[in-house]
Amino acid sequence: MAPSQTLSDARRRVETARLLSRARASRGDARARYEDDVIRLNMSVAADVARRYHGRGIPADDINQVAFLGLVKAVRGFDPTVGDDFLSYAVPTLRGEIRRYFRDSGWTIRPPRSVQEIQARVVSAESELTQRLGRGPRPAEIAAHLDVSLPLVVDAMAASGCFTPMSLDASRSEDEASESPADKMGDLDPAFASAEARVALAPLMATLNERDRRVIELRYFENRTQAQIGAEVGVSQEQVSRLLSSILLKLRRQLAA
């Protein structure tokens, strides 16, 4: 940290302590004026805390507003007789207000409460471990760092898109400006409706003799007429009709059983 920044922080702490002490000794409008001065003096601190939570799916202006309201709450609730370092009290208060806002208002798709509460910690741990390890941490390393279960960390990482899920009509990038996620989705497979029937009938078809199986294939897969089927398997058209009825009855009974 630069010397000028350190000096600025030191002066802010001293001035904050002085104003809070006077506010404590005052009443009514005088106290409110001192507290307002403390709020204005530390708005940059609130903005710095809020900045750490930008880019997580909630507008930055909303997060900043929550941080400023948290600052007001911290100023109103601080007791100089308990400790003279206001920021040691205020910064955790601001973080708590922002995390509570994320938990209560930031989810478009609401996962379980346990996942909501751990998600912010996982994001923070990822940043810290990336700096320490020089690479992205594995879920197991995050779980060990936070002393929580691996499945909970995996669920929290999977829930990162629940704040603002991408619209199926949204463009993915400038290179894909004309292509939305919906454009990449497959069309309805015409065989989907019959998939269950195919799975159920496959082992039953294997029980048929070669002629009966060929009759079924010609009629229902190649759409041949009864006359064409009879010519290929060497029977009359009337016999094809009786064969089909007999084969289908056999398949129905096996399927029911």
C-alpha atoms as a PDB file:
ATOM      1  CA  MET A   1       0.000   0.000   0.000  1.00  0.00           C
ATOM      2  CA  ALA A   2       1.325   3.438  -0.898  1.00  0.00           C
ATOM      3  CA  PRO A   3       2.373   5.771   1.981  1.00  0.00           C
ATOM      4  CA  SER A   4      -0.216   8.379   0.917  1.00  0.00           C
ATOM      5  CA  GLN A   5      -3.000   5.774   1.055  1.00  0.00           C
ATOM      6  CA  THR A   6      -1.816   4.588   4.494  1.00  0.00           C
ATOM      7  CA  LEU A   7      -1.840   8.167   5.756  1.00  0.00           C
ATOM      8  CA  SER A   8      -5.314   8.722   4.350  1.00  0.00           C
ATOM      9  CA  ASP A   9      -6.601   5.604   6.108  1.00  0.00           C
ATOM     10  CA  ALA A  10      -4.960   6.651   9.363  1.00  0.00           C
ATOM     11  CA  ARG A  11      -6.498  10.123   9.186  1.00  0.00           C
ATOM     12  CA  ARG A  12      -9.894   8.620   8.369  1.00  0.00           C
ATOM     13  CA  ARG A  13      -9.706   6.365  11.416  1.00  0.00           C
ATOM     14  CA  VAL A  14      -8.714   9.234  13.684  1.00  0.00           C
ATOM     15  CA  GLU A  15     -11.407  11.555  12.352  1.00  0.00           C
ATOM     16  CA  THR A  16     -14.006   8.791  12.498  1.00  0.00           C
ATOM     17  CA  ALA A  17     -13.167   8.056  16.122  1.00  0.00           C
ATOM     18  CA  ARG A  18     -13.395  11.773  16.979  1.00  0.00           C
ATOM     19  CA  LEU A  19     -16.782  12.208  15.287  1.00  0.00           C
ATOM     20  CA  LEU A  20     -18.217   9.058  16.840  1.00  0.00           C
ATOM     21  CA  SER A  21     -17.058  10.146  20.281  1.00  0.00           C
ATOM     22  CA  ARG A  22     -18.827  13.500  19.844  1.00  0.00           C
ATOM     23  CA  ALA A  23     -21.926  11.753  18.501  1.00  0.00           C
ATOM     24  CA  ARG A  24     -21.952   9.556  21.589  1.00  0.00           C
ATOM     25  CA  ALA A  25     -21.884  12.629  23.810  1.00  0.00           C
ATOM     26  CA  SER A  26     -24.630  14.418  21.829  1.00  0.00           C
ATOM     27  CA  ARG A  27     -28.357  14.089  21.439  1.00  0.00           C
ATOM     28  CA  GLY A  28     -30.980  14.844  18.786  1.00  0.00           C
ATOM     29  CA  ASP A  29     -29.988  16.793  15.704  1.00  0.00           C
ATOM     30  CA  ALA A  30     -26.420  17.308  16.872  1.00  0.00           C
ATOM     31  CA  ARG A  31     -25.844  13.581  17.162  1.00  0.00           C
ATOM     32  CA  ALA A  32     -27.440  12.979  13.749  1.00  0.00           C
ATOM     33  CA  ARG A  33     -25.103  15.544  12.164  1.00  0.00           C
ATOM     34  CA  TYR A  34     -22.009  13.853  13.606  1.00  0.00           C
ATOM     35  CA  GLU A  35     -23.230  10.445  12.447  1.00  0.00           C
ATOM     36  CA  ASP A  36     -23.910  11.811   8.955  1.00  0.00           C
ATOM     37  CA  ASP A  37     -20.344  13.121   8.862  1.00  0.00           C
ATOM     38  CA  VAL A  38     -19.058   9.654   9.763  1.00  0.00           C
ATOM     39  CA  ILE A  39     -21.156   8.130   6.984  1.00  0.00           C
ATOM     40  CA  ARG A  40     -19.849  10.565   4.365  1.00  0.00           C
ATOM     41  CA  LEU A  41     -16.278  10.069   5.584  1.00  0.00           C
ATOM     42  CA  ASN A  42     -16.476   6.271   5.169  1.00  0.00           C
ATOM     43  CA  MET A  43     -18.522   5.935   1.982  1.00  0.00           C
ATOM     44  CA  SER A  44     -15.369   5.071   0.064  1.00  0.00           C
ATOM     45  CA  VAL A  45     -14.814   2.161   2.473  1.00  0.00           C
ATOM     46  CA  ALA A  46     -18.348   0.901   1.804  1.00  0.00           C
ATOM     47  CA  ALA A  47     -17.760   1.231  -1.947  1.00  0.00           C
ATOM     48  CA  ASP A  48     -14.546  -0.797  -1.674  1.00  0.00           C
ATOM     49  CA  VAL A  49     -16.354  -3.582   0.188  1.00  0.00           C
ATOM     50  CA  ALA A  50     -19.191  -3.564  -2.352  1.00  0.00           C
ATOM     51  CA  ARG A  51     -16.744  -3.723  -5.268  1.00  0.00           C
ATOM     52  CA  ARG A  52     -15.633  -7.182  -4.142  1.00  0.00           C
ATOM     53  CA  TYR A  53     -19.128  -8.467  -4.886  1.00  0.00           C
ATOM     54  CA  HIS A  54     -19.566  -6.901  -8.318  1.00  0.00           C
ATOM     55  CA  GLY A  55     -19.953  -9.175 -11.315  1.00  0.00           C
ATOM     56  CA  ARG A  56     -21.860 -11.903  -9.489  1.00  0.00           C
ATOM     57  CA  GLY A  57     -25.193 -11.481 -11.214  1.00  0.00           C
ATOM     58  CA  ILE A  58     -26.647  -8.496  -9.316  1.00  0.00           C
ATOM     59  CA  PRO A  59     -26.316  -4.904 -10.644  1.00  0.00           C
ATOM     60  CA  ALA A  60     -23.391  -3.038  -9.101  1.00  0.00           C
ATOM     61  CA  ASP A  61     -25.610  -0.076  -8.194  1.00  0.00           C
ATOM     62  CA  ASP A  62     -27.832  -2.348  -6.109  1.00  0.00           C
ATOM     63  CA  ILE A  63     -24.863  -3.813  -4.258  1.00  0.00           C
ATOM     64  CA  ASN A  64     -23.451  -0.340  -3.616  1.00  0.00           C
ATOM     65  CA  GLN A  65     -26.792   0.795  -2.227  1.00  0.00           C
ATOM     66  CA  VAL A  66     -26.922  -2.181   0.139  1.00  0.00           C
ATOM     67  CA  ALA A  67     -23.372  -1.396   1.286  1.00  0.00           C
ATOM     68  CA  PHE A  68     -24.239   2.248   1.993  1.00  0.00           C
ATOM     69  CA  LEU A  69     -27.315   1.210   3.962  1.00  0.00           C
ATOM     70  CA  GLY A  70     -25.093  -1.209   5.860  1.00  0.00           C
ATOM     71  CA  LEU A  71     -22.743   1.649   6.624  1.00  0.00           C
ATOM     72  CA  VAL A  72     -25.622   3.655   8.073  1.00  0.00           C
ATOM     73  CA  LYS A  73     -26.584   0.653  10.187  1.00  0.00           C
ATOM     74  CA  ALA A  74     -22.993   0.249  11.388  1.00  0.00           C
ATOM     75  CA  VAL A  75     -22.713   3.922  12.359  1.00  0.00           C
ATOM     76  CA  ARG A  76     -26.001   3.805  14.262  1.00  0.00           C
ATOM     77  CA  GLY A  77     -25.065   0.601  16.060  1.00  0.00           C
ATOM     78  CA  PHE A  78     -21.398   1.287  16.905  1.00  0.00           C
ATOM     79  CA  ASP A  79     -20.553   1.779  20.564  1.00  0.00           C
ATOM     80  CA  PRO A  80     -17.210   3.630  21.061  1.00  0.00           C
ATOM     81  CA  THR A  81     -17.105   2.481  24.699  1.00  0.00           C
ATOM     82  CA  VAL A  82     -16.721  -1.140  23.577  1.00  0.00           C
ATOM     83  CA  GLY A  83     -13.953  -0.492  21.038  1.00  0.00           C
ATOM     84  CA  ASP A  84     -12.487   2.509  19.265  1.00  0.00           C
ATOM     85  CA  ASP A  85     -11.813   0.883  15.842  1.00  0.00           C
ATOM     86  CA  PHE A  86     -14.963   1.572  13.868  1.00  0.00           C
ATOM     87  CA  LEU A  87     -13.817  -0.169  10.671  1.00  0.00           C
ATOM     88  CA  SER A  88     -13.170  -3.453  12.500  1.00  0.00           C
ATOM     89  CA  TYR A  89     -16.861  -3.365  13.340  1.00  0.00           C
ATOM     90  CA  ALA A  90     -18.193  -1.798  10.152  1.00  0.00           C
ATOM     91  CA  VAL A  91     -16.536  -3.942   7.462  1.00  0.00           C
ATOM     92  CA  PRO A  92     -17.971  -7.279   8.728  1.00  0.00           C
ATOM     93  CA  THR A  93     -21.339  -5.541   9.074  1.00  0.00           C
ATOM     94  CA  LEU A  94     -21.200  -4.387   5.445  1.00  0.00           C
ATOM     95  CA  ARG A  95     -20.203  -7.828   4.221  1.00  0.00           C
ATOM     96  CA  GLY A  96     -23.005  -9.404   6.207  1.00  0.00           C
ATOM     97  CA  GLU A  97     -25.592  -7.028   4.739  1.00  0.00           C
ATOM     98  CA  ILE A  98     -24.414  -7.695   1.181  1.00  0.00           C
ATOM     99  CA  ARG A  99     -24.337 -11.466   1.655  1.00  0.00           C
ATOM    100  CA  ARG A 100     -27.801 -11.360   3.193  1.00  0.00           C
ATOM    101  CA  TYR A 101     -29.030  -9.415   0.177  1.00  0.00           C
ATOM    102  CA  PHE A 102     -27.563 -12.015  -2.155  1.00  0.00           C
ATOM    103  CA  ARG A 103     -29.146 -14.791  -0.116  1.00  0.00           C
ATOM    104  CA  ASP A 104     -32.608 -13.241   0.069  1.00  0.00           C
ATOM    105  CA  SER A 105     -32.947 -11.313  -3.190  1.00  0.00           C
ATOM    106  CA  GLY A 106     -30.281 -12.390  -5.634  1.00  0.00           C
ATOM    107  CA  TRP A 107     -31.506 -15.804  -6.741  1.00  0.00           C
ATOM    108  CA  THR A 108     -33.624 -16.147  -9.869  1.00  0.00           C
ATOM    109  CA  ILE A 109     -33.593 -19.902  -9.290  1.00  0.00           C
ATOM    110  CA  ARG A 110     -33.484 -20.544  -5.544  1.00  0.00           C
ATOM    111  CA  PRO A 111     -31.282 -23.486  -4.493  1.00  0.00           C
ATOM    112  CA  PRO A 112     -31.360 -24.937  -0.942  1.00  0.00           C
ATOM    113  CA  ARG A 113     -30.456 -22.538   1.873  1.00  0.00           C
ATOM    114  CA  SER A 114     -27.230 -24.436   2.638  1.00  0.00           C
ATOM    115  CA  VAL A 115     -26.043 -23.852  -0.938  1.00  0.00           C
ATOM    116  CA  GLN A 116     -27.031 -20.170  -0.820  1.00  0.00           C
ATOM    117  CA  GLU A 117     -25.086 -19.587   2.384  1.00  0.00           C
ATOM    118  CA  ILE A 118     -21.907 -21.357   1.245  1.00  0.00           C
ATOM    119  CA  GLN A 119     -21.823 -19.919  -2.277  1.00  0.00           C
ATOM    120  CA  ALA A 120     -20.312 -16.543  -1.326  1.00  0.00           C
ATOM    121  CA  ARG A 121     -17.659 -18.286   0.807  1.00  0.00           C
ATOM    122  CA  VAL A 122     -16.769 -20.565  -2.091  1.00  0.00           C
ATOM    123  CA  VAL A 123     -16.291 -17.589  -4.424  1.00  0.00           C
ATOM    124  CA  SER A 124     -14.055 -15.876  -1.864  1.00  0.00           C
ATOM    125  CA  ALA A 125     -12.060 -19.058  -1.281  1.00  0.00           C
ATOM    126  CA  GLU A 126     -11.543 -19.530  -5.031  1.00  0.00           C
ATOM    127  CA  SER A 127      -9.948 -16.084  -5.284  1.00  0.00           C
ATOM    128  CA  GLU A 128      -7.751 -16.615  -2.221  1.00  0.00           C
ATOM    129  CA  LEU A 129      -6.571 -20.084  -3.250  1.00  0.00           C
ATOM    130  CA  THR A 130      -5.900 -18.996  -6.838  1.00  0.00           C
ATOM    131  CA  GLN A 131      -3.430 -16.403  -5.549  1.00  0.00           C
ATOM    132  CA  ARG A 132      -1.860 -18.894  -3.155  1.00  0.00           C
ATOM    133  CA  LEU A 133      -1.608 -21.848  -5.575  1.00  0.00           C
ATOM    134  CA  GLY A 134      -0.992 -19.962  -8.812  1.00  0.00           C
ATOM    135  CA  ARG A 135      -3.854 -21.857 -10.481  1.00  0.00           C
ATOM    136  CA  GLY A 136      -7.555 -22.432 -10.089  1.00  0.00           C
ATOM    137  CA  PRO A 137      -8.286 -24.552  -7.005  1.00  0.00           C
ATOM    138  CA  ARG A 138      -9.971 -27.933  -7.229  1.00  0.00           C
ATOM    139  CA  PRO A 139     -13.334 -28.387  -5.487  1.00  0.00           C
ATOM    140  CA  ALA A 140     -11.687 -30.722  -2.962  1.00  0.00           C
ATOM    141  CA  GLU A 141      -9.137 -28.019  -2.096  1.00  0.00           C
ATOM    142  CA  ILE A 142     -11.898 -25.468  -1.589  1.00  0.00           C
ATOM    143  CA  ALA A 143     -13.787 -27.918   0.628  1.00  0.00           C
ATOM    144  CA  ALA A 144     -10.684 -28.516   2.749  1.00  0.00           C
ATOM    145  CA  HIS A 145      -9.988 -24.788   2.979  1.00  0.00           C
ATOM    146  CA  LEU A 146     -13.539 -24.034   4.160  1.00  0.00           C
ATOM    147  CA  ASP A 147     -13.813 -27.222   6.249  1.00  0.00           C
ATOM    148  CA  VAL A 148     -17.079 -28.218   4.571  1.00  0.00           C
ATOM    149  CA  SER A 149     -18.160 -31.284   2.608  1.00  0.00           C
ATOM    150  CA  LEU A 150     -17.095 -31.705  -1.013  1.00  0.00           C
ATOM    151  CA  PRO A 151     -20.682 -32.281  -2.298  1.00  0.00           C
ATOM    152  CA  LEU A 152     -21.747 -28.960  -0.757  1.00  0.00           C
ATOM    153  CA  VAL A 153     -18.924 -27.123  -2.540  1.00  0.00           C
ATOM    154  CA  VAL A 154     -19.784 -28.828  -5.839  1.00  0.00           C
ATOM    155  CA  ASP A 155     -23.445 -27.825  -5.453  1.00  0.00           C
ATOM    156  CA  ALA A 156     -22.462 -24.231  -4.645  1.00  0.00           C
ATOM    157  CA  MET A 157     -20.207 -24.008  -7.708  1.00  0.00           C
ATOM    158  CA  ALA A 158     -22.958 -25.457  -9.898  1.00  0.00           C
ATOM    159  CA  ALA A 159     -25.381 -22.844  -8.532  1.00  0.00           C
ATOM    160  CA  SER A 160     -23.264 -19.906  -9.696  1.00  0.00           C
ATOM    161  CA  GLY A 161     -25.643 -19.300 -12.618  1.00  0.00           C
ATOM    162  CA  CYS A 162     -28.772 -19.177 -10.460  1.00  0.00           C
ATOM    163  CA  PHE A 163     -28.513 -15.412  -9.865  1.00  0.00           C
ATOM    164  CA  THR A 164     -29.275 -14.514 -13.489  1.00  0.00           C
ATOM    165  CA  PRO A 165     -29.632 -17.541 -15.772  1.00  0.00           C
ATOM    166  CA  MET A 166     -28.862 -16.765 -19.400  1.00  0.00           C
ATOM    167  CA  SER A 167     -31.863 -16.305 -21.641  1.00  0.00           C
ATOM    168  CA  LEU A 168     -32.199 -18.867 -24.424  1.00  0.00           C
ATOM    169  CA  ASP A 169     -32.558 -15.913 -26.791  1.00  0.00           C
ATOM    170  CA  ALA A 170     -29.392 -14.118 -25.617  1.00  0.00           C
ATOM    171  CA  SER A 171     -26.319 -13.946 -27.857  1.00  0.00           C
ATOM    172  CA  ARG A 172     -23.306 -15.660 -26.348  1.00  0.00           C
ATOM    173  CA  SER A 173     -20.579 -13.379 -27.699  1.00  0.00           C
ATOM    174  CA  GLU A 174     -19.765 -10.914 -30.456  1.00  0.00           C
ATOM    175  CA  ASP A 175     -18.452 -13.779 -32.578  1.00  0.00           C
ATOM    176  CA  GLU A 176     -21.789 -15.552 -32.185  1.00  0.00           C
ATOM    177  CA  ALA A 177     -24.008 -12.465 -32.437  1.00  0.00           C
ATOM    178  CA  SER A 178     -26.465 -14.207 -34.747  1.00  0.00           C
ATOM    179  CA  GLU A 179     -26.549 -17.417 -32.739  1.00  0.00           C
ATOM    180  CA  SER A 180     -28.378 -17.748 -29.426  1.00  0.00           C
ATOM    181  CA  PRO A 181     -28.341 -20.795 -27.120  1.00  0.00           C
ATOM    182  CA  ALA A 182     -31.770 -21.713 -28.497  1.00  0.00           C
ATOM    183  CA  ASP A 183     -30.267 -21.844 -32.003  1.00  0.00           C
ATOM    184  CA  LYS A 184     -27.876 -24.553 -30.839  1.00  0.00           C
ATOM    185  CA  MET A 185     -30.566 -26.767 -29.341  1.00  0.00           C
ATOM    186  CA  GLY A 186     -31.552 -29.820 -31.336  1.00  0.00           C
ATOM    187  CA  ASP A 187     -34.943 -30.173 -33.007  1.00  0.00           C
ATOM    188  CA  LEU A 188     -37.533 -32.632 -31.763  1.00  0.00           C
ATOM    189  CA  ASP A 189     -36.489 -36.148 -32.799  1.00  0.00           C
ATOM    190  CA  PRO A 190     -39.395 -37.726 -34.738  1.00  0.00           C
ATOM    191  CA  ALA A 191     -38.454 -41.118 -33.255  1.00  0.00           C
ATOM    192  CA  PHE A 192     -38.660 -39.850 -29.665  1.00  0.00           C
ATOM    193  CA  ALA A 193     -42.334 -40.790 -29.217  1.00  0.00           C
ATOM    194  CA  SER A 194     -41.653 -44.408 -30.230  1.00  0.00           C
ATOM    195  CA  ALA A 195     -38.393 -44.787 -28.303  1.00  0.00           C
ATOM    196  CA  GLU A 196     -40.026 -46.468 -25.293  1.00  0.00           C
ATOM    197  CA  ALA A 197     -41.906 -48.889 -27.529  1.00  0.00           C
ATOM    198  CA  ARG A 198     -38.710 -49.769 -29.379  1.00  0.00           C
ATOM    199  CA  VAL A 199     -36.903 -50.535 -26.133  1.00  0.00           C
ATOM    200  CA  ALA A 200     -39.785 -52.716 -24.904  1.00  0.00           C
ATOM    201  CA  LEU A 201     -40.233 -54.590 -28.189  1.00  0.00           C
ATOM    202  CA  ALA A 202     -36.572 -55.216 -29.044  1.00  0.00           C
ATOM    203  CA  PRO A 203     -36.165 -58.344 -26.856  1.00  0.00           C
ATOM    204  CA  LEU A 204     -39.591 -59.640 -27.978  1.00  0.00           C
ATOM    205  CA  MET A 205     -38.658 -59.303 -31.641  1.00  0.00           C
ATOM    206  CA  ALA A 206     -35.665 -61.534 -30.956  1.00  0.00           C
ATOM    207  CA  THR A 207     -38.037 -64.368 -29.985  1.00  0.00           C
ATOM    208  CA  LEU A 208     -39.684 -64.421 -33.414  1.00  0.00           C
ATOM    209  CA  ASN A 209     -38.550 -66.790 -36.122  1.00  0.00           C
ATOM    210  CA  GLU A 210     -36.845 -65.377 -39.186  1.00  0.00           C
ATOM    211  CA  ARG A 211     -39.983 -65.344 -41.385  1.00  0.00           C
ATOM    212  CA  ASP A 212     -42.201 -63.615 -38.783  1.00  0.00           C
ATOM    213  CA  ARG A 213     -39.534 -61.033 -38.034  1.00  0.00           C
ATOM    214  CA  ARG A 214     -39.166 -60.332 -41.764  1.00  0.00           C
ATOM    215  CA  VAL A 215     -42.916 -59.875 -42.129  1.00  0.00           C
ATOM    216  CA  ILE A 216     -42.913 -57.274 -39.337  1.00  0.00           C
ATOM    217  CA  GLU A 217     -39.923 -55.464 -40.846  1.00  0.00           C
ATOM    218  CA  LEU A 218     -41.511 -55.333 -44.317  1.00  0.00           C
ATOM    219  CA  ARG A 219     -44.871 -54.111 -43.029  1.00  0.00           C
ATOM    220  CA  TYR A 220     -43.921 -51.598 -40.326  1.00  0.00           C
ATOM    221  CA  PHE A 221     -40.398 -50.481 -41.241  1.00  0.00           C
ATOM    222  CA  GLU A 222     -40.494 -50.618 -45.038  1.00  0.00           C
ATOM    223  CA  ASN A 223     -44.240 -49.918 -45.429  1.00  0.00           C
ATOM    224  CA  ARG A 224     -44.770 -52.746 -47.947  1.00  0.00           C
ATOM    225  CA  THR A 225     -48.257 -53.851 -48.939  1.00  0.00           C
ATOM    226  CA  GLN A 226     -49.570 -57.280 -47.990  1.00  0.00           C
ATOM    227  CA  ALA A 227     -49.241 -58.373 -51.629  1.00  0.00           C
ATOM    228  CA  GLN A 228     -45.583 -57.310 -51.720  1.00  0.00           C
ATOM    229  CA  ILE A 229     -44.894 -59.058 -48.427  1.00  0.00           C
ATOM    230  CA  GLY A 230     -46.550 -62.261 -49.635  1.00  0.00           C
ATOM    231  CA  ALA A 231     -44.471 -62.217 -52.811  1.00  0.00           C
ATOM    232  CA  GLU A 232     -41.231 -61.893 -50.850  1.00  0.00           C
ATOM    233  CA  VAL A 233     -41.859 -64.499 -48.143  1.00  0.00           C
ATOM    234  CA  GLY A 234     -43.694 -66.940 -50.435  1.00  0.00           C
ATOM    235  CA  VAL A 235     -47.256 -66.841 -49.090  1.00  0.00           C
ATOM    236  CA  SER A 236     -50.570 -65.477 -50.296  1.00  0.00           C
ATOM    237  CA  GLN A 237     -51.935 -62.033 -49.395  1.00  0.00           C
ATOM    238  CA  GLU A 238     -54.613 -63.640 -47.204  1.00  0.00           C
ATOM    239  CA  GLN A 239     -51.950 -65.603 -45.333  1.00  0.00           C
ATOM    240  CA  VAL A 240     -49.977 -62.387 -44.747  1.00  0.00           C
ATOM    241  CA  SER A 241     -53.027 -60.864 -43.086  1.00  0.00           C
ATOM    242  CA  ARG A 242     -53.426 -63.898 -40.787  1.00  0.00           C
ATOM    243  CA  LEU A 243     -49.675 -63.933 -40.069  1.00  0.00           C
ATOM    244  CA  LEU A 244     -49.667 -60.288 -39.041  1.00  0.00           C
ATOM    245  CA  SER A 245     -52.652 -60.792 -36.729  1.00  0.00           C
ATOM    246  CA  SER A 246     -51.034 -63.846 -35.116  1.00  0.00           C
ATOM    247  CA  ILE A 247     -47.629 -62.175 -34.685  1.00  0.00           C
ATOM    248  CA  LEU A 248     -49.082 -58.992 -33.176  1.00  0.00           C
ATOM    249  CA  LEU A 249     -51.254 -60.984 -30.759  1.00  0.00           C
ATOM    250  CA  LYS A 250     -48.190 -62.932 -29.638  1.00  0.00           C
ATOM    251  CA  LEU A 251     -46.198 -59.697 -29.092  1.00  0.00           C
ATOM    252  CA  ARG A 252     -49.052 -58.097 -27.139  1.00  0.00           C
ATOM    253  CA  ARG A 253     -49.329 -61.050 -24.797  1.00  0.00           C
ATOM    254  CA  GLN A 254     -45.569 -61.136 -24.178  1.00  0.00           C
ATOM    255  CA  LEU A 255     -45.522 -57.394 -23.616  1.00  0.00           C
ATOM    256  CA  ALA A 256     -48.402 -57.593 -21.127  1.00  0.00           C
ATOM    257  CA  ALA A 257     -46.667 -60.388 -19.267  1.00  0.00           C
END
